[in-house]
Amino acid sequence: MSLRRGEGTGIGMDADTSRGAGGGTGADITVVGEGTALAAPDVLRLHAGVEVRRGSAAESFTAVRAAAARLAQALRDAGVAAEDVRTTDLSLGPEYDAYPKVGAYRAAQGVEVVIRDLAAADRVIDAVAGVGEEARLNGLAFEVSDPAAALAEARAGAFRDAAAKAAQYAELAGRGLGRVVSVGEEVRGGPQPLATAVAMAAEGGSVSPGRQSLTVGVRVGYAFA
């Protein structure tokens, strides 16, 4: 008798212990458990930059570098450490009125700013906007700097989920549930950013980090008792 895993069930069971369903592990029952834990993000990554348009490529590039220098100074004045600012984009190219006629040259420089004190987020965002008409805000993302505790909680939940599934299938098969013979993990969320862009709060222009969901999937193989 054998029960093979159906799509989306995360279950594999085989009563023939000589060949098992655990991918060579000797498991008679293989199940997938899932556990989720919530964590409060404590780091903000702000994507910002400057952009200009001028009549020539040289003018455009000179202007964007000057604007980038003002942006860097504004970030320093807002308390952002130099090592928390990373250049992510530098571009220069023509914009056409009607090809091949060039109307202007566009130059842009982008940065990622790591804000480790969320209470300072508004101040840093205001500093970027204060650079002037060349300033650009291109989105932000929250993340959990140390997800270890939340992941440990999610692992415990995932293992309990797997054990409950295995016990049920062993009972349905009329067999006792034995020892664990294999364990494999898949972290499905975090420490990735919560989202590539998050909504501003309704009042005051402040940003809201909310909470991040960290999910762990565990594949556990059991032998029959």
Protein backbone atom coordinates (compact mmCIF):
# COMPACT_ATOMS: atom_id res chain seq x y z
CA MET A 1 0.00 0.00 0.00
CA SER A 2 1.26 3.45 -0.78
CA LEU A 3 -0.07 6.99 -0.54
CA ARG A 4 1.81 9.44 -2.68
CA ARG A 5 1.94 13.15 -2.15
CA GLY A 6 -0.79 15.10 -3.89
CA GLU A 7 -0.30 18.61 -5.11
CA GLY A 8 -0.20 21.08 -2.22
CA THR A 9 -0.51 18.42 0.53
CA GLY A 10 3.13 18.25 1.56
CA ILE A 11 2.61 14.57 2.49
CA GLY A 12 4.46 11.46 1.40
CA MET A 13 3.77 8.02 2.92
CA ASP A 14 4.81 4.50 2.03
CA ALA A 15 4.15 1.39 4.09
CA ASP A 16 6.98 -0.49 2.41
CA THR A 17 9.93 0.34 4.67
CA SER A 18 12.38 -1.26 2.26
CA ARG A 19 11.95 1.60 -0.17
CA GLY A 20 10.40 4.43 1.94
CA ALA A 21 9.01 7.69 0.67
CA GLY A 22 11.63 9.91 2.24
CA GLY A 23 13.93 10.22 -0.75
CA GLY A 24 16.40 7.57 0.46
CA THR A 25 16.19 8.54 4.16
CA GLY A 26 14.27 5.42 5.22
CA ALA A 27 11.22 7.50 6.19
CA ASP A 28 7.81 5.83 6.08
CA ILE A 29 5.95 9.15 6.44
CA THR A 30 7.24 12.50 5.19
CA VAL A 31 5.31 15.64 6.05
CA VAL A 32 5.82 19.37 5.66
CA GLY A 33 5.07 21.62 8.62
CA GLU A 34 4.84 25.39 8.59
CA GLY A 35 5.36 27.90 11.38
CA THR A 36 5.09 31.68 11.36
CA ALA A 37 6.27 34.33 13.81
CA LEU A 38 5.91 38.10 13.77
CA ALA A 39 8.79 40.49 14.39
CA ALA A 40 8.99 44.27 14.58
CA PRO A 41 11.30 45.72 11.90
CA ASP A 42 14.04 47.94 13.30
CA VAL A 43 15.90 48.99 10.16
CA LEU A 44 14.70 51.16 7.28
CA ARG A 45 16.29 51.17 3.84
CA LEU A 46 15.49 54.36 1.98
CA HIS A 47 15.98 54.50 -1.78
CA ALA A 48 16.70 58.07 -2.84
CA GLY A 49 18.67 60.00 -5.41
CA VAL A 50 18.98 63.02 -7.64
CA GLU A 51 18.05 63.60 -11.27
CA VAL A 52 18.71 66.46 -13.71
CA ARG A 53 18.11 67.35 -17.35
CA ARG A 54 20.40 69.64 -19.30
CA GLY A 55 21.09 70.53 -22.92
CA SER A 56 24.33 68.58 -23.18
CA ALA A 57 25.65 65.36 -21.70
CA ALA A 58 28.56 67.16 -20.03
CA GLU A 59 26.28 69.75 -18.41
CA SER A 60 23.89 67.08 -17.23
CA PHE A 61 26.60 64.93 -15.72
CA THR A 62 28.27 67.87 -13.97
CA ALA A 63 24.93 68.98 -12.54
CA VAL A 64 23.97 65.55 -11.25
CA ARG A 65 27.32 65.09 -9.53
CA ALA A 66 26.88 68.46 -7.84
CA ALA A 67 23.37 67.51 -6.74
CA ALA A 68 24.67 64.15 -5.46
CA ALA A 69 27.29 65.96 -3.39
CA ARG A 70 24.55 68.12 -1.82
CA LEU A 71 22.52 65.00 -1.10
CA ALA A 72 25.50 63.32 0.57
CA GLN A 73 26.09 66.39 2.74
CA ALA A 74 22.40 66.57 3.68
CA LEU A 75 22.49 62.94 4.78
CA ARG A 76 25.59 63.54 6.88
CA ASP A 77 23.95 66.56 8.47
CA ALA A 78 20.93 64.38 9.29
CA GLY A 79 23.17 62.00 11.21
CA VAL A 80 23.56 59.19 8.66
CA ALA A 81 26.95 57.48 8.85
CA ALA A 82 29.00 57.31 5.66
CA GLU A 83 29.02 53.51 5.73
CA ASP A 84 25.21 53.51 5.70
CA VAL A 85 25.03 55.21 2.30
CA ARG A 86 25.60 53.12 -0.82
CA THR A 87 25.48 54.25 -4.45
CA THR A 88 23.04 52.04 -6.33
CA ASP A 89 22.64 53.77 -9.68
CA LEU A 90 24.47 56.17 -11.99
CA SER A 91 23.05 56.88 -15.42
CA LEU A 92 23.37 59.36 -18.28
CA GLY A 93 21.51 59.31 -21.56
CA PRO A 94 19.63 61.32 -24.19
CA GLU A 95 15.92 62.07 -24.22
CA TYR A 96 14.45 62.50 -27.67
CA ASP A 97 11.89 65.05 -28.82
CA ALA A 98 11.43 63.07 -32.02
CA TYR A 99 14.09 60.49 -32.82
CA PRO A 100 16.86 61.16 -33.73
CA LYS A 101 16.50 64.73 -32.43
CA VAL A 102 17.77 64.95 -28.84
CA GLY A 103 15.74 67.24 -26.61
CA ALA A 104 17.90 66.97 -23.48
CA TYR A 105 20.25 64.73 -21.58
CA ARG A 106 19.08 63.08 -18.39
CA ALA A 107 21.50 62.13 -15.62
CA ALA A 108 20.61 60.40 -12.36
CA GLN A 109 22.39 59.02 -9.34
CA GLY A 110 20.68 56.79 -6.79
CA VAL A 111 21.61 55.79 -3.26
CA GLU A 112 20.40 53.35 -0.63
CA VAL A 113 20.37 54.85 2.84
CA VAL A 114 20.28 52.55 5.87
CA ILE A 115 18.45 54.16 8.80
CA ARG A 116 19.13 52.21 11.99
CA ASP A 117 17.09 54.48 14.26
CA LEU A 118 13.50 54.53 13.02
CA ALA A 119 12.80 57.62 15.11
CA ALA A 120 15.17 59.47 12.76
CA ALA A 121 13.39 58.37 9.58
CA ASP A 122 11.36 61.56 9.11
CA ARG A 123 14.44 63.71 9.63
CA VAL A 124 16.39 61.82 6.99
CA ILE A 125 13.51 61.86 4.50
CA ASP A 126 13.09 65.61 5.03
CA ALA A 127 16.83 66.06 4.45
CA VAL A 128 16.56 64.34 1.06
CA ALA A 129 13.58 66.46 0.05
CA GLY A 130 15.47 69.57 1.15
CA VAL A 131 18.13 69.04 -1.51
CA GLY A 132 15.81 70.72 -3.99
CA GLU A 133 14.04 69.99 -7.24
CA GLU A 134 16.68 67.44 -8.22
CA ALA A 135 15.83 65.20 -5.25
CA ARG A 136 14.03 61.91 -5.77
CA LEU A 137 12.46 59.51 -3.28
CA ASN A 138 12.15 56.07 -4.88
CA GLY A 139 10.68 53.92 -2.13
CA LEU A 140 11.65 52.32 1.13
CA ALA A 141 11.74 48.95 2.82
CA PHE A 142 11.76 47.72 6.40
CA GLU A 143 13.68 44.74 7.71
CA VAL A 144 14.48 42.92 10.93
CA SER A 145 18.19 43.22 11.69
CA ASP A 146 18.31 40.15 13.95
CA PRO A 147 15.56 37.64 13.09
CA ALA A 148 17.04 34.78 15.15
CA ALA A 149 14.45 34.80 17.96
CA ALA A 150 11.50 35.03 15.58
CA LEU A 151 12.90 32.26 13.38
CA ALA A 152 13.39 30.02 16.43
CA GLU A 153 9.72 30.55 17.32
CA ALA A 154 8.68 29.79 13.74
CA ARG A 155 10.80 26.60 13.69
CA ALA A 156 9.14 25.33 16.86
CA GLY A 157 5.72 25.97 15.35
CA ALA A 158 6.68 24.28 12.10
CA PHE A 159 7.93 21.18 13.88
CA ARG A 160 4.77 20.93 15.98
CA ASP A 161 2.72 21.24 12.80
CA ALA A 162 4.72 18.48 11.12
CA ALA A 163 4.44 16.19 14.16
CA ALA A 164 0.67 16.62 14.30
CA LYS A 165 0.32 15.78 10.61
CA ALA A 166 2.55 12.73 10.92
CA ALA A 167 0.63 11.43 13.95
CA GLN A 168 -2.66 11.77 12.08
CA TYR A 169 -1.39 9.93 9.01
CA ALA A 170 0.12 7.16 11.11
CA GLU A 171 -3.24 6.73 12.85
CA LEU A 172 -5.06 6.67 9.53
CA ALA A 173 -2.64 4.01 8.33
CA GLY A 174 -3.21 1.95 11.46
CA ARG A 175 0.42 2.18 12.50
CA GLY A 176 2.31 3.69 15.43
CA LEU A 177 4.48 6.74 14.84
CA GLY A 178 8.17 6.09 15.42
CA ARG A 179 11.33 8.16 15.48
CA VAL A 180 12.31 11.08 13.28
CA VAL A 181 14.72 9.99 10.55
CA SER A 182 15.17 13.20 8.55
CA VAL A 183 14.64 16.95 8.90
CA GLY A 184 15.02 19.66 6.28
CA GLU A 185 14.28 23.37 6.58
CA GLU A 186 13.14 26.10 4.22
CA VAL A 187 13.02 29.71 5.42
CA ARG A 188 10.27 31.35 3.39
CA GLY A 189 10.37 34.89 4.72
CA GLY A 190 12.99 37.16 6.28
CA PRO A 191 15.30 38.60 6.92
CA GLN A 192 14.05 40.10 3.70
CA PRO A 193 12.36 43.50 3.62
CA LEU A 194 8.68 43.51 4.47
CA ALA A 195 7.90 45.19 1.16
CA THR A 196 9.70 47.12 -1.54
CA ALA A 197 7.44 50.07 -0.79
CA VAL A 198 5.37 50.82 2.28
CA ALA A 199 2.57 53.27 2.84
CA MET A 200 3.02 56.57 4.58
CA ALA A 201 0.93 57.17 7.66
CA ALA A 202 -2.12 59.35 7.17
CA GLU A 203 -0.85 62.18 9.33
CA GLY A 204 2.48 63.85 9.84
CA GLY A 205 4.28 62.21 6.91
CA SER A 206 5.78 59.58 9.25
CA VAL A 207 6.46 56.02 8.16
CA SER A 208 4.99 52.97 9.82
CA PRO A 209 7.09 49.77 10.04
CA GLY A 210 4.25 47.49 11.12
CA ARG A 211 5.36 43.91 11.73
CA GLN A 212 7.12 41.42 9.48
CA SER A 213 5.99 37.84 9.09
CA LEU A 214 8.79 35.26 9.12
CA THR A 215 7.81 31.78 7.97
CA VAL A 216 9.72 28.51 8.23
CA GLY A 217 8.79 25.31 6.43
CA VAL A 218 10.21 22.02 7.72
CA ARG A 219 10.11 18.65 5.97
CA VAL A 220 10.24 15.84 8.53
CA GLY A 221 10.52 12.13 7.83
CA TYR A 222 9.26 9.60 10.40
CA ALA A 223 9.56 5.86 10.65
CA PHE A 224 6.65 3.70 11.72
CA ALA A 225 6.92 2.36 15.25
